[in-house]
N, C-alpha and C. Protein backbone atom coordinates (compact mmCIF):
# COMPACT_ATOMS: atom_id res chain seq x y z
N UNK A 1 -8.32 7.76 10.40
CA UNK A 1 -8.63 7.95 8.34
C UNK A 1 -9.43 6.30 8.65
N UNK A 2 -10.04 6.72 7.74
CA UNK A 2 -11.37 5.41 7.41
C UNK A 2 -10.79 4.53 6.27
N UNK A 3 -11.48 3.35 6.69
CA UNK A 3 -10.38 2.42 6.22
C UNK A 3 -10.70 1.86 4.60
N UNK A 4 -9.64 1.42 3.86
CA UNK A 4 -9.78 1.23 2.48
C UNK A 4 -10.44 -0.38 2.49
N UNK A 5 -11.43 -0.62 1.72
CA UNK A 5 -11.89 -2.35 1.54
C UNK A 5 -11.50 -2.35 0.15
N UNK A 6 -11.14 -3.94 0.00
CA UNK A 6 -11.03 -4.51 -1.23
C UNK A 6 -11.80 -5.61 -0.87
N UNK A 7 -12.28 -5.98 -1.88
CA UNK A 7 -13.58 -7.23 -2.13
C UNK A 7 -13.83 -7.87 -3.04
N UNK A 8 -13.76 -9.13 -3.13
CA UNK A 8 -13.58 -9.93 -4.50
C UNK A 8 -14.96 -9.79 -5.16
N UNK A 9 -15.15 -9.72 -6.99
CA UNK A 9 -16.19 -9.39 -7.41
C UNK A 9 -17.29 -10.17 -6.89
N UNK A 10 -18.41 -9.65 -6.58
CA UNK A 10 -19.55 -10.26 -6.17
C UNK A 10 -19.59 -10.14 -4.56
N UNK A 11 -18.80 -9.69 -3.76
CA UNK A 11 -18.61 -9.39 -2.53
C UNK A 11 -19.31 -8.69 -2.34
N UNK A 12 -20.52 -8.40 -1.33
CA UNK A 12 -20.79 -6.99 -0.40
C UNK A 12 -20.03 -6.32 -0.18
N UNK A 13 -20.20 -5.01 0.09
CA UNK A 13 -19.67 -3.92 0.46
C UNK A 13 -19.19 -4.17 2.16
N UNK A 14 -18.71 -4.32 3.24
CA UNK A 14 -18.79 -4.24 4.47
C UNK A 14 -18.97 -2.90 4.81
N UNK A 15 -19.41 -2.79 6.19
CA UNK A 15 -19.97 -1.44 7.03
C UNK A 15 -18.41 -0.86 7.55
N UNK A 16 -18.14 0.57 7.25
CA UNK A 16 -17.12 0.91 7.46
C UNK A 16 -16.51 0.65 8.98
N UNK A 17 -15.12 0.68 9.19
CA UNK A 17 -14.67 0.60 10.44
C UNK A 17 -14.76 1.48 11.33
N UNK A 18 -13.90 1.62 11.89
CA UNK A 18 -14.18 2.65 13.50
C UNK A 18 -13.02 3.97 13.04
N UNK A 19 -13.32 4.67 14.17
CA UNK A 19 -12.81 5.99 13.90
C UNK A 19 -10.93 6.10 13.82
N UNK A 20 -10.26 4.83 13.68
CA UNK A 20 -9.05 5.00 12.66
C UNK A 20 -8.88 4.58 11.91
N UNK A 21 -9.95 4.55 10.92
CA UNK A 21 -9.97 4.14 9.58
C UNK A 21 -10.81 5.02 8.64
N UNK A 22 -10.18 6.46 9.06
CA UNK A 22 -11.42 7.47 8.11
C UNK A 22 -10.61 7.73 6.68
N UNK A 23 -9.64 7.15 6.15
CA UNK A 23 -9.34 7.35 4.77
C UNK A 23 -9.88 7.31 3.38
N UNK A 24 -10.79 5.43 4.01
CA UNK A 24 -11.05 4.89 3.10
C UNK A 24 -12.49 5.77 2.60
N UNK A 25 -13.47 6.28 3.35
CA UNK A 25 -14.62 6.73 3.08
C UNK A 25 -14.39 8.16 2.40
N UNK A 26 -13.25 8.95 2.83
CA UNK A 26 -12.95 9.87 2.25
C UNK A 26 -12.54 9.80 0.48
N UNK A 27 -12.12 8.46 0.41
CA UNK A 27 -10.96 8.19 -1.20
C UNK A 27 -12.76 7.74 -1.36
N UNK A 28 -13.48 6.86 -1.14
CA UNK A 28 -14.74 6.44 -1.78
C UNK A 28 -15.72 7.83 -2.35
N UNK A 29 -15.99 8.31 -1.23
CA UNK A 29 -16.40 9.60 -1.59
C UNK A 29 -16.12 10.60 -2.72
N UNK A 30 -14.97 10.70 -2.96
CA UNK A 30 -14.57 12.00 -4.16
C UNK A 30 -14.63 11.07 -5.29
N UNK A 31 -14.47 9.45 -5.86
CA UNK A 31 -15.07 8.95 -6.77
C UNK A 31 -14.45 9.19 -8.04
N UNK A 32 -12.74 9.38 -7.72
CA UNK A 32 -11.97 8.82 -8.83
C UNK A 32 -11.54 7.77 -8.92
N UNK A 33 -11.47 7.09 -9.90
CA UNK A 33 -11.28 5.34 -9.79
C UNK A 33 -9.77 5.75 -10.56
N UNK A 34 -8.47 5.26 -9.74
CA UNK A 34 -7.11 5.14 -10.17
C UNK A 34 -6.81 3.86 -9.60
N UNK A 35 -6.69 3.50 -8.25
CA UNK A 35 -6.07 2.31 -7.54
C UNK A 35 -6.38 2.02 -6.31
N UNK A 36 -6.10 0.60 -6.22
CA UNK A 36 -6.33 0.28 -4.73
C UNK A 36 -6.06 0.46 -3.83
N UNK A 37 -6.21 0.93 -2.55
CA UNK A 37 -5.86 1.13 -1.35
C UNK A 37 -5.67 -0.06 -0.43
N UNK A 38 -4.84 -0.12 0.43
CA UNK A 38 -4.76 -1.33 1.38
C UNK A 38 -5.51 -0.43 2.87
N UNK A 39 -5.76 -1.40 3.57
CA UNK A 39 -6.80 -1.13 4.89
C UNK A 39 -5.92 -1.29 5.79
N UNK A 40 -6.33 0.18 7.05
CA UNK A 40 -5.59 0.11 8.15
C UNK A 40 -6.61 0.10 9.00
N UNK A 41 -7.39 -0.65 9.51
CA UNK A 41 -8.04 -0.94 10.40
C UNK A 41 -7.97 -1.73 11.38
N UNK A 42 -8.08 -0.90 12.53
CA UNK A 42 -7.74 -1.29 14.11
C UNK A 42 -8.77 -2.49 14.26
N UNK A 43 -10.06 -2.69 13.73
CA UNK A 43 -10.89 -3.88 14.01
C UNK A 43 -10.39 -5.10 12.92
N UNK A 44 -8.97 -5.29 13.13
CA UNK A 44 -8.44 -6.64 11.93
C UNK A 44 -8.17 -7.34 13.29
N UNK A 45 -7.83 -6.56 14.47
CA UNK A 45 -7.11 -7.07 15.81
C UNK A 45 -7.29 -8.47 15.61
N UNK A 46 -8.44 -9.39 15.77
CA UNK A 46 -8.75 -10.72 15.96
C UNK A 46 -8.40 -11.52 14.76
N UNK A 47 -8.31 -10.87 13.51
CA UNK A 47 -7.92 -12.13 12.44
C UNK A 47 -6.21 -12.13 12.25
N UNK A 48 -6.23 -13.37 12.35
CA UNK A 48 -4.80 -13.77 11.64
C UNK A 48 -4.69 -13.41 10.76
N UNK A 49 -3.28 -12.37 10.49
CA UNK A 49 -3.21 -11.88 9.16
C UNK A 49 -2.44 -13.19 8.36
N UNK A 50 -1.72 -14.24 8.59
CA UNK A 50 -1.02 -15.52 7.39
C UNK A 50 -2.72 -16.45 7.14
N UNK A 51 -3.82 -15.93 7.83
CA UNK A 51 -4.83 -16.84 7.29
C UNK A 51 -5.07 -17.06 6.07
N UNK A 52 -5.23 -17.89 5.13
CA UNK A 52 -5.88 -17.62 3.98
C UNK A 52 -7.55 -17.25 4.18
N UNK A 53 -8.18 -16.46 4.93
CA UNK A 53 -9.63 -16.63 4.61
C UNK A 53 -9.44 -14.99 4.25
N UNK A 54 -10.35 -14.80 3.53
CA UNK A 54 -10.71 -13.29 3.12
C UNK A 54 -10.85 -12.02 4.09
N UNK A 55 -9.85 -11.60 3.87
CA UNK A 55 -9.58 -10.17 4.74
C UNK A 55 -8.57 -9.20 4.11
N UNK A 56 -8.64 -8.94 3.19
CA UNK A 56 -7.86 -7.75 2.48
C UNK A 56 -8.31 -6.07 3.21
N UNK A 57 -8.07 -5.50 2.04
CA UNK A 57 -7.69 -3.95 2.51
C UNK A 57 -7.78 -2.93 1.46
N UNK A 58 -8.91 -2.24 0.82
CA UNK A 58 -8.97 -1.30 -0.15
C UNK A 58 -10.05 -1.35 -0.55
N UNK A 59 -10.16 -0.11 -1.61
CA UNK A 59 -11.69 0.42 -2.10
C UNK A 59 -11.79 -0.87 -2.79
N UNK A 60 -12.95 -0.91 -3.35
CA UNK A 60 -13.45 -2.13 -4.20
C UNK A 60 -12.66 -1.84 -5.56
N UNK A 61 -12.35 -3.55 -5.93
CA UNK A 61 -11.67 -3.42 -7.32
C UNK A 61 -12.09 -4.88 -7.75
N UNK A 62 -12.12 -4.74 -9.25
CA UNK A 62 -12.15 -5.72 -10.19
C UNK A 62 -11.67 -6.54 -10.23
N UNK A 63 -11.58 -7.68 -10.83
CA UNK A 63 -10.37 -8.64 -11.52
C UNK A 63 -11.27 -9.45 -12.67
N UNK A 64 -10.00 -9.93 -13.57
CA UNK A 64 -10.51 -10.56 -14.86
C UNK A 64 -10.33 -11.59 -14.22
N UNK A 65 -10.76 -12.59 -15.17
CA UNK A 65 -11.00 -13.99 -15.02
C UNK A 65 -9.57 -14.85 -15.12
N UNK A 66 -9.43 -16.05 -14.55
CA UNK A 66 -7.63 -16.57 -14.37
C UNK A 66 -7.21 -16.78 -15.75
N UNK A 67 -6.26 -16.61 -16.18
CA UNK A 67 -5.71 -16.78 -17.66
C UNK A 67 -5.32 -18.38 -17.31
N UNK A 68 -4.57 -18.72 -18.88
CA UNK A 68 -4.27 -20.23 -18.43
C UNK A 68 -2.89 -20.27 -18.09
N UNK A 69 -2.23 -19.47 -17.76
CA UNK A 69 -0.94 -19.07 -16.71
C UNK A 69 -1.41 -19.13 -15.26
N UNK A 70 -2.71 -19.28 -14.86
CA UNK A 70 -2.51 -18.86 -13.94
C UNK A 70 -2.57 -17.61 -12.78
N UNK A 71 -2.64 -16.57 -13.70
CA UNK A 71 -2.40 -15.09 -13.25
C UNK A 71 -3.90 -14.31 -13.42
N UNK A 72 -3.87 -13.51 -12.21
CA UNK A 72 -5.44 -12.59 -12.11
C UNK A 72 -4.71 -11.62 -11.69
N UNK A 73 -5.33 -10.33 -12.64
CA UNK A 73 -5.11 -9.26 -13.00
C UNK A 73 -6.11 -8.11 -12.00
N UNK A 74 -5.57 -7.56 -10.99
CA UNK A 74 -6.52 -7.11 -10.16
C UNK A 74 -6.49 -5.54 -10.83
N UNK A 75 -7.61 -5.28 -10.70
CA UNK A 75 -8.01 -3.45 -11.59
C UNK A 75 -8.17 -2.64 -10.28
N UNK A 76 -7.06 -1.60 -10.04
CA UNK A 76 -7.64 -1.10 -9.33
C UNK A 76 -8.52 0.21 -9.08
N UNK A 77 -9.11 0.79 -8.05
CA UNK A 77 -9.80 1.90 -8.48
C UNK A 77 -9.40 2.96 -6.96
N UNK A 78 -9.28 4.36 -7.37
CA UNK A 78 -9.08 5.09 -6.42
C UNK A 78 -10.45 6.35 -6.37
N UNK A 79 -10.60 6.68 -5.26
CA UNK A 79 -11.42 7.47 -4.89
C UNK A 79 -10.97 9.20 -4.87
N UNK A 80 -9.90 8.89 -4.62
CA UNK A 80 -8.96 10.61 -4.82
C UNK A 80 -7.86 10.32 -5.25
N UNK A 81 -7.74 11.58 -5.69
CA UNK A 81 -6.46 12.07 -7.06
C UNK A 81 -4.94 11.77 -6.42
N UNK A 82 -4.28 10.89 -6.47
CA UNK A 82 -3.32 10.12 -5.67
C UNK A 82 -2.09 10.74 -6.54
N UNK A 83 -2.18 11.05 -7.75
CA UNK A 83 -1.23 11.26 -8.68
C UNK A 83 -0.80 13.13 -8.09
N UNK A 84 -1.68 13.44 -7.79
CA UNK A 84 -1.73 15.00 -7.17
C UNK A 84 -0.76 14.39 -5.58
N UNK A 85 0.86 14.71 -5.48
CA UNK A 85 1.30 14.35 -4.50
C UNK A 85 0.99 14.47 -2.95
N UNK A 86 0.01 16.04 -3.15
CA UNK A 86 -0.16 16.38 -1.88
C UNK A 86 -1.16 16.01 -0.92
N UNK A 87 -2.04 15.36 -2.35
CA UNK A 87 -2.73 14.28 -1.83
C UNK A 87 -2.73 12.88 -1.06
N UNK A 88 -1.70 12.42 -2.01
CA UNK A 88 -0.62 11.23 -1.60
C UNK A 88 -0.71 11.32 -0.12
N UNK A 89 0.05 12.58 -0.03
CA UNK A 89 0.79 12.43 1.55
C UNK A 89 -0.34 12.88 2.29
N UNK A 90 -1.60 13.52 2.10
CA UNK A 90 -2.58 13.50 3.24
C UNK A 90 -3.38 12.38 3.48
N UNK A 91 -3.17 11.52 2.57
CA UNK A 91 -3.79 10.50 2.81
C UNK A 91 -3.18 9.19 3.37
N UNK A 92 -1.76 9.23 2.95
CA UNK A 92 -0.92 8.52 4.09
C UNK A 92 -0.55 8.58 5.53
N UNK A 93 -0.60 7.59 6.52
CA UNK A 93 -0.16 8.02 7.83
C UNK A 93 1.29 8.01 8.15
N UNK A 94 2.00 7.44 6.99
CA UNK A 94 3.59 7.52 7.21
C UNK A 94 3.95 7.49 5.47
N UNK A 95 5.02 8.60 5.95
CA UNK A 95 6.02 8.44 4.58
C UNK A 95 7.08 8.43 4.79
N UNK A 96 8.23 7.51 4.05
CA UNK A 96 9.61 7.27 4.21
C UNK A 96 10.05 6.58 3.39
N UNK A 97 11.38 7.10 3.20
CA UNK A 97 12.65 6.11 2.35
C UNK A 97 13.04 5.23 3.04
N UNK A 98 13.00 4.03 2.68
CA UNK A 98 13.32 2.94 3.01
C UNK A 98 14.27 1.52 1.56
N UNK A 99 14.98 1.02 2.26
CA UNK A 99 15.16 0.04 1.44
C UNK A 99 15.09 -1.48 1.71
N UNK A 100 14.61 -2.16 0.80
CA UNK A 100 14.04 -3.45 1.00
C UNK A 100 15.25 -4.44 1.34
N UNK A 101 14.84 -5.08 2.59
CA UNK A 101 16.24 -6.35 2.80
C UNK A 101 15.18 -7.36 2.39
N UNK A 102 14.35 -7.96 2.20
CA UNK A 102 13.94 -9.13 1.78
C UNK A 102 12.31 -9.05 1.61
N UNK A 103 11.91 -10.24 1.18
CA UNK A 103 10.53 -10.54 1.28
C UNK A 103 10.52 -11.31 2.50
N UNK A 104 8.90 -11.49 2.80
CA UNK A 104 8.67 -12.04 4.12
C UNK A 104 7.44 -12.62 4.28
N UNK A 105 6.92 -13.19 3.21
CA UNK A 105 6.12 -14.04 3.10
C UNK A 105 4.84 -13.54 2.55
N UNK A 106 3.52 -14.29 1.96
CA UNK A 106 2.50 -13.74 1.68
C UNK A 106 1.31 -14.43 2.58
N UNK A 107 0.12 -13.37 2.27
CA UNK A 107 -1.11 -13.85 3.00
C UNK A 107 -1.97 -13.37 2.12
N UNK A 108 -3.33 -13.84 2.75
CA UNK A 108 -4.59 -13.69 1.79
C UNK A 108 -5.59 -12.98 2.15
N UNK A 109 -6.05 -11.17 2.06
CA UNK A 109 -7.09 -10.91 2.43
C UNK A 109 -8.40 -10.92 1.56
N UNK A 110 -9.46 -10.56 2.09
CA UNK A 110 -10.75 -10.98 0.98
C UNK A 110 -10.34 -11.70 -0.45
N UNK A 111 -9.84 -12.50 -0.40
CA UNK A 111 -9.60 -13.14 -1.93
C UNK A 111 -8.18 -13.06 -2.35
N UNK A 112 -7.62 -11.73 -1.78
CA UNK A 112 -6.52 -11.41 -2.78
C UNK A 112 -5.21 -11.53 -2.09
N UNK A 113 -4.18 -11.57 -2.49
CA UNK A 113 -3.07 -12.19 -2.32
C UNK A 113 -2.24 -10.58 -1.70
N UNK A 114 -1.29 -10.72 -0.78
CA UNK A 114 -0.65 -9.38 -0.12
C UNK A 114 0.79 -10.25 0.05
N UNK A 115 1.48 -9.32 0.01
CA UNK A 115 3.17 -9.97 0.10
C UNK A 115 3.84 -8.99 1.01
N UNK A 116 4.58 -9.68 1.73
CA UNK A 116 4.91 -8.44 3.21
C UNK A 116 6.86 -8.31 2.86
N UNK A 117 7.24 -7.39 2.93
CA UNK A 117 8.42 -7.35 2.97
C UNK A 117 9.54 -6.39 4.15
N UNK A 118 10.50 -6.88 4.25
CA UNK A 118 11.05 -5.91 5.44
C UNK A 118 11.97 -4.94 4.73
N UNK A 119 11.72 -3.95 5.73
CA UNK A 119 12.31 -2.57 4.97
C UNK A 119 13.05 -1.98 6.21
N UNK A 120 14.35 -1.19 5.47
CA UNK A 120 14.94 -0.66 6.88
C UNK A 120 14.71 1.02 6.17
N UNK A 121 14.33 1.52 7.18
CA UNK A 121 13.86 3.25 7.16
C UNK A 121 15.26 3.86 7.25
N UNK A 122 15.37 4.67 6.40
CA UNK A 122 16.60 5.53 6.07
C UNK A 122 16.22 6.52 6.54
N UNK A 123 15.06 7.35 5.82
CA UNK A 123 14.51 8.52 6.43
C UNK A 123 12.92 9.08 6.67
N UNK A 124 12.83 9.62 7.74
CA UNK A 124 10.99 9.33 7.80
C UNK A 124 10.81 10.87 7.30
N UNK A 125 9.83 11.13 6.54
CA UNK A 125 9.28 11.99 5.99
C UNK A 125 8.10 12.53 7.05
N UNK A 126 7.21 11.58 7.04
CA UNK A 126 5.92 11.75 7.43
C UNK A 126 5.50 10.73 8.84
N UNK A 127 5.00 11.23 10.05
CA UNK A 127 4.78 9.71 10.59
C UNK A 127 5.93 9.31 11.84
N UNK A 128 5.70 8.50 12.26
CA UNK A 128 7.29 7.66 13.04
C UNK A 128 7.34 6.38 13.00
N UNK A 129 7.78 5.91 11.91
CA UNK A 129 8.00 4.82 12.02
C UNK A 129 9.24 4.21 12.18
N UNK A 130 9.73 2.70 12.38
CA UNK A 130 10.38 2.70 13.25
C UNK A 130 11.73 2.31 12.34
N UNK A 131 13.11 1.87 12.78
CA UNK A 131 14.26 1.94 11.78
C UNK A 131 14.00 0.74 11.13
N UNK A 132 13.69 -0.33 11.55
CA UNK A 132 13.26 -1.74 10.59
C UNK A 132 11.47 -2.14 10.66
N UNK A 133 10.98 -1.43 9.58
CA UNK A 133 9.47 -1.97 9.57
C UNK A 133 9.32 -3.43 8.62
N UNK A 134 8.03 -3.88 8.76
CA UNK A 134 7.31 -4.29 7.67
C UNK A 134 6.20 -3.79 6.57
N UNK A 135 6.45 -4.09 5.77
CA UNK A 135 5.42 -3.40 4.85
C UNK A 135 4.52 -4.39 4.12
N UNK A 136 3.53 -4.04 3.50
CA UNK A 136 3.25 -5.05 2.87
C UNK A 136 2.14 -4.75 1.85
N UNK A 137 2.53 -5.03 0.61
CA UNK A 137 2.07 -4.89 -0.94
C UNK A 137 1.05 -5.53 -1.53
N UNK A 138 -0.01 -4.61 -2.37
CA UNK A 138 -1.08 -5.72 -2.79
C UNK A 138 -0.12 -6.51 -4.07
N UNK A 139 -0.86 -7.94 -4.14
CA UNK A 139 -0.47 -8.69 -5.30
C UNK A 139 0.47 -9.59 -4.46
N UNK A 140 0.52 -10.92 -5.66
CA UNK A 140 1.65 -11.74 -5.06
C UNK A 140 0.79 -12.98 -5.23
N UNK A 141 1.30 -14.02 -4.67
CA UNK A 141 1.29 -16.02 -5.04
C UNK A 141 0.52 -16.53 -4.07
N UNK A 142 -0.81 -16.75 -4.46
CA UNK A 142 -1.87 -17.57 -3.38
C UNK A 142 -2.02 -18.90 -3.78
N UNK A 143 -0.97 -19.70 -2.69
CA UNK A 143 -0.50 -21.11 -3.18
C UNK A 143 -1.45 -21.94 -3.00
N UNK A 144 -2.59 -21.78 -2.37
CA UNK A 144 -3.89 -22.18 -1.98
C UNK A 144 -4.40 -22.74 -3.09
N UNK A 145 -4.78 -21.22 -4.22
CA UNK A 145 -5.78 -20.95 -5.25
C UNK A 145 -4.76 -21.65 -6.34
N UNK A 146 -3.28 -21.11 -6.36
CA UNK A 146 -2.51 -21.94 -7.47
C UNK A 146 -2.76 -20.54 -8.32
N UNK A 147 -3.09 -18.95 -7.84
CA UNK A 147 -2.93 -17.97 -8.89
C UNK A 147 -2.07 -16.95 -7.94
N UNK A 148 -1.55 -16.20 -9.27
CA UNK A 148 -0.46 -14.97 -9.08
C UNK A 148 -1.77 -13.88 -9.26
N UNK A 149 -1.76 -12.76 -8.30
CA UNK A 149 -2.42 -11.84 -8.43
C UNK A 149 -1.70 -10.61 -8.52
N UNK A 150 -1.81 -9.54 -9.84
CA UNK A 150 -0.99 -9.01 -10.11
C UNK A 150 -2.10 -7.49 -9.92
N UNK A 151 -1.44 -6.19 -9.45
CA UNK A 151 -2.13 -5.26 -9.90
C UNK A 151 -1.52 -4.55 -10.89
N UNK A 152 -2.99 -4.02 -11.54
CA UNK A 152 -2.54 -3.46 -12.85
C UNK A 152 -1.68 -2.05 -12.63
N UNK A 153 -0.91 -2.06 -13.05
CA UNK A 153 -0.01 -0.51 -13.25
C UNK A 153 1.00 -0.71 -11.87
N UNK A 154 1.07 -2.05 -11.35
CA UNK A 154 2.09 -1.22 -9.96
C UNK A 154 3.20 -2.28 -10.35
N UNK A 155 4.11 -2.19 -9.73
CA UNK A 155 5.37 -2.93 -9.60
C UNK A 155 5.89 -3.46 -8.35
N UNK A 156 6.20 -5.04 -7.94
CA UNK A 156 6.22 -5.59 -6.82
C UNK A 156 7.88 -4.81 -6.58
N UNK A 157 7.28 -4.87 -4.96
CA UNK A 157 9.17 -4.23 -4.98
C UNK A 157 10.06 -5.51 -4.95
N UNK A 158 11.46 -5.04 -4.51
CA UNK A 158 12.57 -5.57 -5.04
C UNK A 158 13.44 -5.52 -4.20
N UNK A 159 14.16 -6.41 -3.31
CA UNK A 159 15.04 -6.64 -2.21
C UNK A 159 16.18 -5.73 -2.73
N UNK A 160 16.87 -4.65 -2.20
CA UNK A 160 18.23 -3.89 -2.46
C UNK A 160 18.22 -2.62 -2.94
N UNK A 161 16.38 -2.42 -3.43
CA UNK A 161 15.97 -1.18 -3.85
C UNK A 161 15.73 -0.27 -3.15
N UNK A 162 15.60 0.81 -3.29
CA UNK A 162 15.51 2.02 -2.22
C UNK A 162 13.91 2.78 -3.08
N UNK A 163 13.11 3.02 -1.76
CA UNK A 163 11.88 3.78 -2.39
C UNK A 163 11.59 5.00 -1.12
N UNK A 164 10.76 5.56 -2.05
CA UNK A 164 9.86 6.79 -1.03
C UNK A 164 8.71 6.47 -0.76
N UNK A 165 8.29 5.49 0.48
CA UNK A 165 7.03 4.51 0.85
C UNK A 165 6.02 5.61 1.05
N UNK A 166 4.71 5.30 0.67
CA UNK A 166 3.45 6.09 1.35
C UNK A 166 2.89 5.14 1.73
N UNK A 167 2.09 5.41 3.02
CA UNK A 167 1.31 4.08 3.40
C UNK A 167 0.70 4.33 4.48
N UNK A 168 -0.66 3.59 4.59
CA UNK A 168 -1.30 3.54 5.85
C UNK A 168 -0.89 2.47 6.99
N UNK A 169 -1.10 2.75 8.36
CA UNK A 169 -0.59 1.91 9.02
C UNK A 169 -1.67 0.98 9.89
N UNK A 170 -1.37 -0.24 10.16
CA UNK A 170 -2.21 -1.24 10.63
C UNK A 170 -1.47 -1.56 11.99
N UNK A 171 -1.94 -0.85 12.66
CA UNK A 171 -1.69 -0.68 14.07
C UNK A 171 -1.62 -2.21 15.07
N UNK A 172 -2.91 -3.01 14.54
CA UNK A 172 -2.86 -4.19 15.26
C UNK A 172 -2.25 -5.17 14.41
N UNK A 173 -1.70 -4.80 13.42
CA UNK A 173 -0.64 -5.71 12.68
C UNK A 173 1.01 -5.15 13.06
N UNK A 174 0.96 -4.05 13.07
CA UNK A 174 2.53 -3.54 13.09
C UNK A 174 2.75 -3.16 12.34
N UNK A 175 2.47 -3.08 10.62
CA UNK A 175 2.89 -3.10 9.30
C UNK A 175 2.28 -1.80 8.60
N UNK A 176 2.93 -1.71 7.60
CA UNK A 176 2.62 -0.40 6.70
C UNK A 176 2.00 -1.27 5.48
N UNK A 177 1.05 -0.59 5.18
CA UNK A 177 -0.03 -0.93 3.87
C UNK A 177 0.39 0.21 2.69
N UNK A 178 1.15 -0.34 2.20
CA UNK A 178 1.78 1.08 1.02
C UNK A 178 0.62 1.08 -0.27
N UNK A 179 0.46 2.30 -0.43
CA UNK A 179 -0.59 2.76 -1.51
C UNK A 179 -0.29 2.44 -2.44
N UNK A 180 -1.05 1.25 -3.51
CA UNK A 180 -0.37 0.90 -5.20
C UNK A 180 0.05 1.92 -5.55
N UNK A 181 1.12 1.77 -6.73
CA UNK A 181 1.36 2.70 -7.90
C UNK A 181 2.06 3.75 -7.05
N UNK A 182 1.66 5.08 -6.77
CA UNK A 182 1.77 5.98 -6.52
C UNK A 182 2.82 5.88 -4.90
N UNK A 183 2.42 5.15 -4.29
CA UNK A 183 2.83 4.96 -3.07
C UNK A 183 4.48 4.24 -2.64
N UNK A 184 5.04 3.58 -3.88
CA UNK A 184 6.32 3.20 -3.94
C UNK A 184 6.80 3.47 -4.97
N UNK A 185 7.61 4.68 -4.62
CA UNK A 185 8.22 5.73 -5.96
C UNK A 185 9.90 5.40 -5.97
N UNK A 186 10.25 4.02 -6.61
CA UNK A 186 11.71 3.93 -6.67
C UNK A 186 12.88 4.92 -6.75
N UNK A 187 13.59 5.07 -6.24
CA UNK A 187 14.90 5.84 -6.73
C UNK A 187 15.26 5.36 -7.18
N UNK A 188 16.67 6.05 -8.24
CA UNK A 188 17.52 5.35 -9.06
C UNK A 188 18.67 5.20 -8.35
N UNK A 189 19.72 4.22 -9.06
CA UNK A 189 21.02 4.09 -7.78
C UNK A 189 21.62 5.61 -7.82
N UNK A 190 21.76 6.81 -8.50
CA UNK A 190 22.08 7.89 -8.19
C UNK A 190 21.52 8.73 -7.06
N UNK A 191 20.45 8.61 -7.69
CA UNK A 191 19.24 9.24 -6.52
C UNK A 191 19.31 8.29 -5.15
N UNK A 192 19.90 7.10 -5.18
CA UNK A 192 20.03 6.56 -3.71
C UNK A 192 21.33 7.07 -3.19
N UNK A 193 22.30 7.14 -4.31
CA UNK A 193 24.04 7.61 -3.94
C UNK A 193 23.68 8.83 -3.22
N UNK A 194 22.73 9.86 -3.70
CA UNK A 194 22.53 10.93 -3.23
C UNK A 194 22.10 11.22 -1.81
N UNK A 195 20.96 10.36 -1.48
CA UNK A 195 20.53 9.95 -0.54
C UNK A 195 21.81 9.84 0.81
N UNK A 196 22.10 8.87 0.15
CA UNK A 196 23.14 8.03 1.24
C UNK A 196 24.34 9.46 1.32
N UNK A 197 24.77 10.27 0.90
CA UNK A 197 25.48 11.47 0.84
C UNK A 197 25.11 12.21 1.56
N UNK A 198 23.69 12.30 2.16
CA UNK A 198 23.04 13.29 2.84
C UNK A 198 22.17 14.19 2.07
N UNK A 199 22.35 14.00 1.13
CA UNK A 199 21.54 15.08 -0.01
C UNK A 199 20.37 14.80 -0.32
N UNK A 200 19.55 15.30 -1.08
CA UNK A 200 18.02 15.41 -1.02
C UNK A 200 17.64 15.17 -2.37
N UNK A 201 17.35 13.97 -2.81
CA UNK A 201 16.99 13.63 -4.46
C UNK A 201 15.44 14.19 -4.86
N UNK A 202 15.55 14.46 -6.27
CA UNK A 202 14.35 15.06 -6.33
C UNK A 202 12.88 13.96 -6.14
N UNK A 203 13.02 12.83 -5.70
CA UNK A 203 11.87 12.25 -5.10
C UNK A 203 11.40 12.56 -4.19
N UNK A 204 12.50 12.38 -2.88
CA UNK A 204 12.23 12.95 -1.64
C UNK A 204 12.08 14.49 -1.59
N UNK A 205 12.79 15.34 -2.31
CA UNK A 205 12.52 16.85 -2.26
C UNK A 205 11.34 17.12 -2.67
N UNK A 206 10.44 16.50 -3.38
CA UNK A 206 9.34 16.58 -4.17
C UNK A 206 8.16 16.01 -3.15
N UNK A 207 8.45 15.41 -2.38
CA UNK A 207 7.56 14.93 -1.24
C UNK A 207 7.75 15.65 -0.05
N UNK A 208 8.90 16.38 -0.31
CA UNK A 208 8.82 16.85 1.12
C UNK A 208 7.82 18.10 1.03
N UNK A 209 8.09 18.92 -0.04
CA UNK A 209 7.28 19.74 -0.33
C UNK A 209 5.53 19.35 -0.71
N UNK A 210 5.15 18.19 -0.79
CA UNK A 210 4.29 17.73 -1.15
C UNK A 210 3.52 17.51 0.82
N UNK A 211 4.27 17.16 1.39
CA UNK A 211 4.21 17.14 2.62
C UNK A 211 3.56 18.38 3.35
N UNK A 212 4.75 19.19 3.34
CA UNK A 212 4.09 20.54 3.99
C UNK A 212 2.99 21.44 3.22
N UNK A 213 2.59 21.13 1.92
CA UNK A 213 1.33 21.37 1.52
C UNK A 213 0.14 20.34 1.56
N UNK A 214 0.14 18.99 2.45
CA UNK A 214 -0.77 18.54 1.87
C UNK A 214 -1.93 18.50 2.20
N UNK A 215 -2.76 17.67 1.33
CA UNK A 215 -4.59 17.85 1.58
C UNK A 215 -4.91 16.64 1.77
N UNK A 216 -5.84 16.78 3.05
CA UNK A 216 -6.05 15.88 3.70
C UNK A 216 -7.22 14.70 2.57
N UNK A 217 -7.18 13.67 2.82
CA UNK A 217 -8.37 12.97 1.78
C UNK A 217 -9.33 12.19 3.22
């Protein structure tokens, strides 16, 4: 799948990555601006994911000026209609239900902060994630610049909560980059209990159906 590239305002687009990154160009080609996606390129193998150098992942997105509170909003853009679960499923390398164990640090890609979380996978719907995985979510606190990046329309993952996660896989870093906003559907407490009882709550059933009829992006 082609890669998703997120660039700070005024930074030129880099050329597409290798054949392991085809999702981004397909997203950019379709032209609907909805949100930011994360990169899954194998070409980041030489990059240090903990570095504060600019190295992020997603289609271009704009930022508003830093506020007095040190908060910068990232306005996400999509180029495919991921409000359609079939397209979301077709875009994602992996879809799984998991419970967030804890936050696992932050780092910067292309000038925007991402936050890592440890997740316990309860149910795999697409792909082959392990039982315990690391996921990354756009947004977080940049301690160097003293700025908090907030992705418009998205909500940070919470420890102890269970989600249906749709993500791109970064093979060289062995982690999953969550597709913002629509890629982290939180289960209610009642739905989480249904899942624990071996049932299929509505968000899970809906995603199963979407995967069965997924539309490649």
